Amino acid sequence: MNDHGQTADPLGQTLCRLMGEEAWKSMLAEAFERRHPIGATLLRQAEPGTHVLALLSGVAKVTRRERTGDVRLLAFRGPGELLGEVAVLDDGVRSASVQAISDCTVAVLTKAAFLRFVTDRGLFPVMVRYAMGRLRESDLARSGGDIVARLAAALATLADVSADPAGPPGRRTELALTRDELAQHLGVSRNTVTAGLAELGSHQVHAGRKSIVIGDLSALRRVAGGARD
């Protein structure tokens, strides 16, 4: 089922899939589009929740600055996901920042329009299930296993959701992502990520100081298969 009565496991599902294509398109009909280049900040921590963003294309990272000053990477988000809904639903301020790690297109929906849409459609249970699914995804990213395969799986997933369906196959993918952020995401040390990226070099993965370039996604997927065995 694709309506708000569906019983499918929310793990790995976008909000678009959980609420259904028809409801998603209806929500977008009340929004306006905005484009952001790689590295742009889409939402800022501590700002009021005045609107939500529906991610139409590209990939974004969700980070939070702790009281100690450390910045923690919480999650990655791709097309079909909603950003900033928690601050809108609880009438508070944003608990995290969101930054584009590839060129992104978003649909902007005001707080009033979003709350009216969720209320009229009876979608509050879906929003709770969506939030729980995202928490489980974050936990799984930090589970054990071969680090090279886990790293390849994370990068392959990010490359998949950032790809332009209308673009040429096999195109080079660049992600504004650092070793420290990958280490936080996977729950390992920076040195472990550096060693893993070095091993992936033979599969056309090139790591710069502030970005990672994927030259052969098919090869990366083959390595990532080890994380699912």
Protein backbone atom coordinates (compact mmCIF):
# COMPACT_ATOMS: atom_id res chain seq x y z
CA MET A 1 0.00 0.00 0.00
CA ASN A 2 1.16 3.55 -0.74
CA ASP A 3 -1.40 5.55 1.24
CA HIS A 4 -1.18 6.56 4.89
CA GLY A 5 -2.51 3.16 5.91
CA GLN A 6 0.42 1.20 4.51
CA THR A 7 2.15 -1.36 6.71
CA ALA A 8 5.49 -1.71 4.89
CA ASP A 9 8.70 -1.37 6.90
CA PRO A 10 9.74 2.32 6.72
CA LEU A 11 13.44 1.42 6.86
CA GLY A 12 15.13 2.63 3.68
CA GLN A 13 11.95 4.20 2.31
CA THR A 14 11.65 7.84 1.36
CA LEU A 15 8.73 9.90 2.58
CA CYS A 16 7.50 9.99 -1.01
CA ARG A 17 7.13 6.19 -0.97
CA LEU A 18 5.61 6.10 2.49
CA MET A 19 2.90 8.67 1.75
CA GLY A 20 2.42 7.63 -1.90
CA GLU A 21 3.14 9.37 -5.20
CA GLU A 22 -0.27 11.03 -5.37
CA ALA A 23 0.03 12.62 -1.92
CA TRP A 24 3.65 13.64 -2.58
CA LYS A 25 2.70 15.39 -5.82
CA SER A 26 -0.21 17.12 -4.12
CA MET A 27 2.16 18.44 -1.46
CA LEU A 28 4.60 19.70 -4.09
CA ALA A 29 1.78 21.51 -5.88
CA GLU A 30 1.69 23.99 -2.98
CA ALA A 31 5.45 24.62 -3.02
CA PHE A 32 7.96 26.52 -5.14
CA GLU A 33 11.29 25.22 -6.40
CA ARG A 34 14.74 26.44 -5.46
CA ARG A 35 18.16 25.29 -6.66
CA HIS A 36 21.30 25.06 -4.52
CA PRO A 37 24.88 24.40 -5.68
CA ILE A 38 27.18 21.88 -4.04
CA GLY A 39 28.28 23.14 -0.62
CA ALA A 40 25.28 25.42 -0.06
CA THR A 41 23.50 25.47 3.31
CA LEU A 42 19.82 24.57 2.95
CA LEU A 43 18.78 24.85 6.61
CA ARG A 44 20.61 26.22 9.66
CA GLN A 45 20.65 24.86 13.18
CA ALA A 46 18.89 27.03 15.80
CA GLU A 47 16.79 28.92 13.25
CA PRO A 48 12.98 28.80 13.62
CA GLY A 49 11.05 26.18 11.68
CA THR A 50 9.29 28.45 9.19
CA HIS A 51 9.18 25.97 6.30
CA VAL A 52 10.07 22.48 5.13
CA LEU A 53 12.06 21.37 2.10
CA ALA A 54 11.18 18.45 -0.16
CA LEU A 55 14.38 17.22 -1.80
CA LEU A 56 13.72 16.70 -5.52
CA SER A 57 17.25 15.96 -6.71
CA GLY A 58 20.75 15.76 -5.27
CA VAL A 59 22.10 14.70 -1.88
CA ALA A 60 22.33 16.64 1.38
CA LYS A 61 24.02 15.94 4.70
CA VAL A 62 22.45 16.61 8.09
CA THR A 63 24.86 17.84 10.77
CA ARG A 64 24.55 19.09 14.34
CA ARG A 65 26.95 21.26 16.32
CA GLU A 66 27.16 19.97 19.87
CA ARG A 67 27.64 22.12 22.97
CA THR A 68 31.30 21.08 22.99
CA GLY A 69 31.73 22.71 19.57
CA ASP A 70 32.12 19.39 17.78
CA VAL A 71 30.11 18.90 14.60
CA ARG A 72 28.40 15.53 14.23
CA LEU A 73 27.16 14.12 10.93
CA LEU A 74 23.73 12.63 11.55
CA ALA A 75 22.53 11.46 8.15
CA PHE A 76 22.43 11.81 4.38
CA ARG A 77 19.24 12.63 2.52
CA GLY A 78 18.28 12.10 -1.12
CA PRO A 79 15.34 12.71 -3.49
CA GLY A 80 11.92 12.00 -2.04
CA GLU A 81 13.00 13.01 1.46
CA LEU A 82 11.68 15.85 3.61
CA LEU A 83 13.96 18.26 5.46
CA GLY A 84 13.18 20.45 8.45
CA GLU A 85 9.84 18.90 9.34
CA VAL A 86 10.65 18.26 13.02
CA ALA A 87 11.02 21.96 13.89
CA VAL A 88 7.77 22.65 12.07
CA LEU A 89 5.81 19.84 13.72
CA ASP A 90 6.96 20.65 17.27
CA ASP A 91 6.90 24.44 16.72
CA GLY A 92 10.55 24.77 17.75
CA VAL A 93 13.92 25.67 16.29
CA ARG A 94 15.99 23.52 13.97
CA SER A 95 18.10 20.95 15.83
CA ALA A 96 20.51 20.46 12.91
CA SER A 97 21.85 22.06 9.74
CA VAL A 98 21.49 20.70 6.22
CA GLN A 99 24.11 21.23 3.51
CA ALA A 100 24.18 20.14 -0.14
CA ILE A 101 26.93 17.65 -1.01
CA SER A 102 25.89 17.70 -4.67
CA ASP A 103 23.82 20.15 -6.72
CA CYS A 104 20.32 20.07 -5.21
CA THR A 105 16.82 21.09 -6.21
CA VAL A 106 14.25 21.50 -3.43
CA ALA A 107 10.58 22.39 -3.16
CA VAL A 108 9.88 24.94 -0.41
CA LEU A 109 6.63 24.58 1.52
CA THR A 110 5.60 27.07 4.22
CA LYS A 111 4.90 25.89 7.76
CA ALA A 112 1.20 26.75 7.49
CA ALA A 113 0.79 24.92 4.17
CA PHE A 114 2.67 21.84 5.39
CA LEU A 115 0.70 21.55 8.65
CA ARG A 116 -2.56 22.00 6.79
CA PHE A 117 -1.58 19.31 4.29
CA VAL A 118 -0.54 16.79 6.97
CA THR A 119 -3.72 17.46 8.97
CA ASP A 120 -6.10 17.26 6.02
CA ARG A 121 -4.51 14.00 4.81
CA GLY A 122 -4.24 12.40 8.24
CA LEU A 123 -0.50 11.91 7.75
CA PHE A 124 0.77 12.35 11.30
CA PRO A 125 1.20 8.56 11.78
CA VAL A 126 3.22 8.44 8.55
CA MET A 127 5.49 11.22 9.80
CA VAL A 128 6.15 9.26 13.02
CA ARG A 129 6.98 6.07 11.07
CA TYR A 130 9.22 8.07 8.74
CA ALA A 131 11.16 9.51 11.68
CA MET A 132 11.57 6.07 13.26
CA GLY A 133 12.84 4.61 9.99
CA ARG A 134 15.47 7.31 9.68
CA LEU A 135 16.69 6.64 13.24
CA ARG A 136 17.09 2.94 12.43
CA GLU A 137 19.02 3.76 9.25
CA SER A 138 21.45 5.86 11.27
CA ASP A 139 22.01 2.96 13.68
CA LEU A 140 22.60 0.47 10.86
CA ALA A 141 25.22 2.70 9.22
CA ARG A 142 27.32 2.28 12.36
CA SER A 143 26.94 -1.50 12.58
CA GLY A 144 30.00 -3.72 12.31
CA GLY A 145 31.43 -5.55 9.31
CA ASP A 146 34.15 -5.11 6.71
CA ILE A 147 34.92 -1.39 6.58
CA VAL A 148 35.89 -1.32 2.89
CA ALA A 149 32.58 -2.91 1.89
CA ARG A 150 30.64 -0.63 4.26
CA LEU A 151 32.44 2.42 2.90
CA ALA A 152 31.78 1.34 -0.68
CA ALA A 153 28.11 0.75 0.14
CA ALA A 154 27.73 4.21 1.68
CA LEU A 155 29.40 5.91 -1.30
CA ALA A 156 27.44 3.86 -3.84
CA THR A 157 24.17 4.77 -2.16
CA LEU A 158 25.08 8.45 -2.18
CA ALA A 159 26.10 8.29 -5.83
CA ASP A 160 22.86 6.53 -6.75
CA VAL A 161 20.57 9.10 -5.14
CA SER A 162 22.56 12.05 -6.48
CA ALA A 163 22.58 10.80 -10.09
CA ASP A 164 20.55 12.66 -12.70
CA PRO A 165 18.20 10.11 -14.35
CA ALA A 166 18.41 12.10 -17.60
CA GLY A 167 22.20 12.26 -17.51
CA PRO A 168 24.59 9.99 -19.40
CA PRO A 169 25.28 6.55 -17.85
CA GLY A 170 28.59 6.05 -16.09
CA ARG A 171 29.13 9.73 -15.48
CA ARG A 172 31.65 10.88 -12.87
CA THR A 173 30.10 11.74 -9.49
CA GLU A 174 31.58 14.28 -7.06
CA LEU A 175 30.39 14.54 -3.45
CA ALA A 176 31.34 17.36 -1.07
CA LEU A 177 32.27 14.95 1.68
CA THR A 178 35.29 14.69 3.99
CA ARG A 179 37.01 11.73 5.62
CA ASP A 180 35.94 13.01 9.03
CA GLU A 181 32.28 13.06 7.99
CA LEU A 182 32.44 9.54 6.60
CA ALA A 183 34.09 8.40 9.83
CA GLN A 184 31.27 9.94 11.87
CA HIS A 185 28.65 8.39 9.61
CA LEU A 186 30.15 4.88 9.82
CA GLY A 187 31.19 5.08 13.48
CA VAL A 188 34.90 4.46 12.85
CA SER A 189 38.11 6.49 13.04
CA ARG A 190 39.34 8.90 10.37
CA ASN A 191 42.42 6.71 9.87
CA THR A 192 40.19 3.72 9.19
CA VAL A 193 38.28 5.68 6.54
CA THR A 194 41.54 6.90 4.99
CA ALA A 195 42.81 3.33 4.72
CA GLY A 196 39.50 2.19 3.24
CA LEU A 197 39.51 4.97 0.63
CA ALA A 198 43.07 4.03 -0.31
CA GLU A 199 41.90 0.48 -1.01
CA LEU A 200 39.04 1.82 -3.10
CA GLY A 201 41.48 3.85 -5.20
CA SER A 202 41.88 0.91 -7.57
CA HIS A 203 38.12 1.14 -8.18
CA GLN A 204 38.34 4.78 -9.30
CA VAL A 205 37.42 6.38 -5.99
CA HIS A 206 39.54 9.50 -5.47
CA ALA A 207 39.48 11.42 -2.19
CA GLY A 208 40.45 15.07 -2.03
CA ARG A 209 40.63 17.28 1.03
CA LYS A 210 36.93 18.23 0.94
CA SER A 211 35.39 15.99 -1.70
CA ILE A 212 35.24 12.43 -2.98
CA VAL A 213 35.01 11.58 -6.67
CA ILE A 214 33.53 8.29 -7.89
CA GLY A 215 34.66 7.35 -11.38
CA ASP A 216 33.31 3.79 -11.70
CA LEU A 217 30.04 3.25 -9.85
CA SER A 218 29.64 -0.32 -11.14
CA ALA A 219 32.99 -1.33 -9.64
CA LEU A 220 32.05 0.35 -6.37
CA ARG A 221 28.79 -1.59 -6.23
CA ARG A 222 30.68 -4.86 -6.63
CA VAL A 223 32.85 -4.03 -3.63
CA ALA A 224 29.76 -2.92 -1.70
CA GLY A 225 28.26 -6.39 -2.15
CA GLY A 226 30.43 -7.57 0.72
CA ALA A 227 28.53 -5.33 3.13
CA ARG A 228 25.30 -7.18 2.34
CA ASP A 229 26.62 -10.76 2.57
